[in-house]
Amino acid sequence: MKIKQSQILNREHKLLETDLGDIYLFNDFVITEFKQGVDISFDNFYSIGVEIGKHFWKKPFGFIANRPYSYSINLKDAEILNMAFPNLKAYAIVVYSDFSEKIFEVENVFFKFNRRAFKSLDKSISWVEETLKKDLNN
């Protein structure tokens, strides 16, 4: 499900429309919906990362990658991205195919975030919110 078809947009949010895709900044998490075929690297993600950093500052947050389209992530930049968001507590990916799920498994080798794959945007949001709630209680 594309974010524009979701009830989540009833919540207060800020939309960033970028060359890579749409970035939705909510109170406790960000949802990305990147365009078909883009290649995400540290360099082209940098300005988005700055906006995410400003929005959440030092506050714990979650990241949801809604992947209705196929795109790639430059895995050589994984270590930089791991260090860029020390307050990232939950990373969810919404997969729409078995292939996307397999890619997620490969990415897990490179990324150190608390990561999970879901087949539903709503379930990914629930998991991120629950994870953040647990983190605040610890």
C-alpha atoms as a PDB file:
ATOM      1  CA  MET A   1       0.000   0.000   0.000  1.00  0.00           C
ATOM      2  CA  LYS A   2       1.333   3.404  -0.894  1.00  0.00           C
ATOM      3  CA  ILE A   3       1.423   5.898   1.941  1.00  0.00           C
ATOM      4  CA  LYS A   4      -0.999   8.192   0.109  1.00  0.00           C
ATOM      5  CA  GLN A   5      -3.610   5.414   0.385  1.00  0.00           C
ATOM      6  CA  SER A   6      -3.029   4.951   4.114  1.00  0.00           C
ATOM      7  CA  GLN A   7      -4.873   6.356   7.114  1.00  0.00           C
ATOM      8  CA  ILE A   8      -1.509   7.349   8.604  1.00  0.00           C
ATOM      9  CA  LEU A   9      -1.704  10.619   6.699  1.00  0.00           C
ATOM     10  CA  ASN A  10      -4.480  11.672   9.083  1.00  0.00           C
ATOM     11  CA  ARG A  11      -1.746  12.152  11.678  1.00  0.00           C
ATOM     12  CA  GLU A  12       0.256  15.360  11.811  1.00  0.00           C
ATOM     13  CA  HIS A  13       3.323  15.056   9.586  1.00  0.00           C
ATOM     14  CA  LYS A  14       5.748  16.941   7.389  1.00  0.00           C
ATOM     15  CA  LEU A  15       6.230  15.829   3.779  1.00  0.00           C
ATOM     16  CA  LEU A  16       9.564  16.171   2.006  1.00  0.00           C
ATOM     17  CA  GLU A  17       9.309  15.624  -1.739  1.00  0.00           C
ATOM     18  CA  THR A  18      12.802  14.791  -2.997  1.00  0.00           C
ATOM     19  CA  ASP A  19      14.473  13.473  -6.136  1.00  0.00           C
ATOM     20  CA  LEU A  20      14.736  10.086  -4.412  1.00  0.00           C
ATOM     21  CA  GLY A  21      11.093   9.936  -3.334  1.00  0.00           C
ATOM     22  CA  ASP A  22       8.723  11.072  -0.619  1.00  0.00           C
ATOM     23  CA  ILE A  23       9.776  11.332   3.030  1.00  0.00           C
ATOM     24  CA  TYR A  24       7.075  11.615   5.705  1.00  0.00           C
ATOM     25  CA  LEU A  25       8.232  12.915   9.087  1.00  0.00           C
ATOM     26  CA  PHE A  26       5.874  12.045  11.938  1.00  0.00           C
ATOM     27  CA  ASN A  27       6.296  12.717  15.649  1.00  0.00           C
ATOM     28  CA  ASP A  28       8.165   9.478  16.470  1.00  0.00           C
ATOM     29  CA  PHE A  29       9.095   7.984  13.120  1.00  0.00           C
ATOM     30  CA  VAL A  30       9.864   8.639   9.483  1.00  0.00           C
ATOM     31  CA  ILE A  31       8.364   6.757   6.544  1.00  0.00           C
ATOM     32  CA  THR A  32      10.189   6.742   3.225  1.00  0.00           C
ATOM     33  CA  GLU A  33       8.737   5.796  -0.111  1.00  0.00           C
ATOM     34  CA  PHE A  34      11.556   5.929  -2.637  1.00  0.00           C
ATOM     35  CA  LYS A  35      10.970   6.024  -6.397  1.00  0.00           C
ATOM     36  CA  GLN A  36      11.357   3.062  -8.714  1.00  0.00           C
ATOM     37  CA  GLY A  37      14.951   2.362  -9.703  1.00  0.00           C
ATOM     38  CA  VAL A  38      16.781   4.945  -7.572  1.00  0.00           C
ATOM     39  CA  ASP A  39      20.132   4.085  -6.014  1.00  0.00           C
ATOM     40  CA  ILE A  40      20.365   5.290  -2.410  1.00  0.00           C
ATOM     41  CA  SER A  41      23.855   6.303  -1.329  1.00  0.00           C
ATOM     42  CA  PHE A  42      25.208   8.385   1.530  1.00  0.00           C
ATOM     43  CA  ASP A  43      25.834  11.276  -0.872  1.00  0.00           C
ATOM     44  CA  ASN A  44      22.331  11.499  -2.343  1.00  0.00           C
ATOM     45  CA  PHE A  45      20.678  10.709   0.996  1.00  0.00           C
ATOM     46  CA  TYR A  46      22.708  13.326   2.881  1.00  0.00           C
ATOM     47  CA  SER A  47      20.205  16.226   2.688  1.00  0.00           C
ATOM     48  CA  ILE A  48      17.372  13.879   3.696  1.00  0.00           C
ATOM     49  CA  GLY A  49      19.502  12.644   6.586  1.00  0.00           C
ATOM     50  CA  VAL A  50      20.080  16.219   7.722  1.00  0.00           C
ATOM     51  CA  GLU A  51      16.313  16.861   7.758  1.00  0.00           C
ATOM     52  CA  ILE A  52      15.694  13.648   9.696  1.00  0.00           C
ATOM     53  CA  GLY A  53      18.435  14.616  12.148  1.00  0.00           C
ATOM     54  CA  LYS A  54      16.917  18.070  12.677  1.00  0.00           C
ATOM     55  CA  HIS A  55      13.412  16.676  13.082  1.00  0.00           C
ATOM     56  CA  PHE A  56      14.321  14.076  15.727  1.00  0.00           C
ATOM     57  CA  TRP A  57      17.491  15.710  17.094  1.00  0.00           C
ATOM     58  CA  LYS A  58      18.526  13.443  19.988  1.00  0.00           C
ATOM     59  CA  LYS A  59      15.082  11.921  20.455  1.00  0.00           C
ATOM     60  CA  PRO A  60      14.685   8.157  19.850  1.00  0.00           C
ATOM     61  CA  PHE A  61      12.844   7.486  16.587  1.00  0.00           C
ATOM     62  CA  GLY A  62      11.827   4.787  14.151  1.00  0.00           C
ATOM     63  CA  PHE A  63      12.390   4.477  10.404  1.00  0.00           C
ATOM     64  CA  ILE A  64       9.949   2.712   8.100  1.00  0.00           C
ATOM     65  CA  ALA A  65      10.979   1.995   4.518  1.00  0.00           C
ATOM     66  CA  ASN A  66       7.784   1.424   2.589  1.00  0.00           C
ATOM     67  CA  ARG A  67       8.951  -0.385  -0.565  1.00  0.00           C
ATOM     68  CA  PRO A  68       6.185  -0.629  -3.152  1.00  0.00           C
ATOM     69  CA  TYR A  69       8.912   0.028  -5.752  1.00  0.00           C
ATOM     70  CA  SER A  70      12.244  -1.619  -6.360  1.00  0.00           C
ATOM     71  CA  TYR A  71      15.357   0.433  -5.600  1.00  0.00           C
ATOM     72  CA  SER A  72      18.889  -0.204  -4.430  1.00  0.00           C
ATOM     73  CA  ILE A  73      20.951   0.843  -1.440  1.00  0.00           C
ATOM     74  CA  ASN A  74      24.705   1.253  -1.777  1.00  0.00           C
ATOM     75  CA  LEU A  75      25.825  -1.205   0.884  1.00  0.00           C
ATOM     76  CA  LYS A  76      29.357   0.251   0.914  1.00  0.00           C
ATOM     77  CA  ASP A  77      27.783   3.247   2.713  1.00  0.00           C
ATOM     78  CA  ALA A  78      26.106   1.113   5.386  1.00  0.00           C
ATOM     79  CA  GLU A  79      28.692   1.851   8.092  1.00  0.00           C
ATOM     80  CA  ILE A  80      28.313   5.622   7.574  1.00  0.00           C
ATOM     81  CA  LEU A  81      24.539   5.329   7.769  1.00  0.00           C
ATOM     82  CA  ASN A  82      24.818   3.172  10.920  1.00  0.00           C
ATOM     83  CA  MET A  83      26.787   5.953  12.623  1.00  0.00           C
ATOM     84  CA  ALA A  84      24.635   8.798  11.292  1.00  0.00           C
ATOM     85  CA  PHE A  85      21.567   7.888  13.366  1.00  0.00           C
ATOM     86  CA  PRO A  86      22.600   6.790  16.878  1.00  0.00           C
ATOM     87  CA  ASN A  87      19.076   7.542  18.159  1.00  0.00           C
ATOM     88  CA  LEU A  88      17.400   5.222  15.613  1.00  0.00           C
ATOM     89  CA  LYS A  89      15.784   2.494  17.726  1.00  0.00           C
ATOM     90  CA  ALA A  90      13.605   0.622  15.210  1.00  0.00           C
ATOM     91  CA  TYR A  91      13.917   0.119  11.456  1.00  0.00           C
ATOM     92  CA  ALA A  92      11.018  -1.541   9.658  1.00  0.00           C
ATOM     93  CA  ILE A  93      10.742  -2.399   6.014  1.00  0.00           C
ATOM     94  CA  VAL A  94       7.447  -3.083   4.294  1.00  0.00           C
ATOM     95  CA  VAL A  95       7.987  -5.677   1.577  1.00  0.00           C
ATOM     96  CA  TYR A  96       5.630  -6.452  -1.275  1.00  0.00           C
ATOM     97  CA  SER A  97       7.436  -9.408  -2.831  1.00  0.00           C
ATOM     98  CA  ASP A  98       9.569 -12.387  -1.871  1.00  0.00           C
ATOM     99  CA  PHE A  99      12.454 -10.746  -3.728  1.00  0.00           C
ATOM    100  CA  SER A 100      12.259  -7.616  -1.528  1.00  0.00           C
ATOM    101  CA  GLU A 101      12.248  -9.814   1.548  1.00  0.00           C
ATOM    102  CA  LYS A 102      15.412 -11.596   0.363  1.00  0.00           C
ATOM    103  CA  ILE A 103      17.113  -8.236  -0.248  1.00  0.00           C
ATOM    104  CA  PHE A 104      16.197  -7.232   3.307  1.00  0.00           C
ATOM    105  CA  GLU A 105      17.953 -10.357   4.593  1.00  0.00           C
ATOM    106  CA  VAL A 106      21.125  -9.438   2.681  1.00  0.00           C
ATOM    107  CA  GLU A 107      20.988  -5.849   3.993  1.00  0.00           C
ATOM    108  CA  ASN A 108      20.807  -7.181   7.568  1.00  0.00           C
ATOM    109  CA  VAL A 109      24.432  -8.267   7.257  1.00  0.00           C
ATOM    110  CA  PHE A 110      25.480  -4.636   6.734  1.00  0.00           C
ATOM    111  CA  PHE A 111      23.110  -2.615   8.908  1.00  0.00           C
ATOM    112  CA  LYS A 112      23.256  -2.711  12.693  1.00  0.00           C
ATOM    113  CA  PHE A 113      19.821  -1.255  13.433  1.00  0.00           C
ATOM    114  CA  ASN A 114      17.040  -3.175  15.185  1.00  0.00           C
ATOM    115  CA  ARG A 115      15.397  -4.263  11.892  1.00  0.00           C
ATOM    116  CA  ARG A 116      12.266  -6.208  10.944  1.00  0.00           C
ATOM    117  CA  ALA A 117      10.371  -6.887   7.740  1.00  0.00           C
ATOM    118  CA  PHE A 118       6.587  -6.648   7.449  1.00  0.00           C
ATOM    119  CA  LYS A 119       4.025  -7.217   4.720  1.00  0.00           C
ATOM    120  CA  SER A 120       1.765  -4.457   6.036  1.00  0.00           C
ATOM    121  CA  LEU A 121       2.409  -0.756   6.592  1.00  0.00           C
ATOM    122  CA  ASP A 122       0.055  -0.749   9.590  1.00  0.00           C
ATOM    123  CA  LYS A 123       1.900  -3.634  11.263  1.00  0.00           C
ATOM    124  CA  SER A 124       5.247  -1.943  10.706  1.00  0.00           C
ATOM    125  CA  ILE A 125       3.946   1.247  12.342  1.00  0.00           C
ATOM    126  CA  SER A 126       2.607  -0.713  15.322  1.00  0.00           C
ATOM    127  CA  TRP A 127       5.949  -2.487  15.794  1.00  0.00           C
ATOM    128  CA  VAL A 128       7.933   0.756  15.599  1.00  0.00           C
ATOM    129  CA  GLU A 129       5.648   2.490  18.093  1.00  0.00           C
ATOM    130  CA  GLU A 130       5.775  -0.476  20.496  1.00  0.00           C
ATOM    131  CA  THR A 131       9.561  -0.689  20.210  1.00  0.00           C
ATOM    132  CA  LEU A 132       9.925   3.018  20.964  1.00  0.00           C
ATOM    133  CA  LYS A 133       7.586   2.705  23.931  1.00  0.00           C
ATOM    134  CA  LYS A 134       9.697  -0.172  25.333  1.00  0.00           C
ATOM    135  CA  ASP A 135      12.877   1.830  24.754  1.00  0.00           C
ATOM    136  CA  LEU A 136      11.503   4.793  26.719  1.00  0.00           C
ATOM    137  CA  ASN A 137      10.623   2.507  29.631  1.00  0.00           C
ATOM    138  CA  ASN A 138      14.168   1.105  29.889  1.00  0.00           C
END
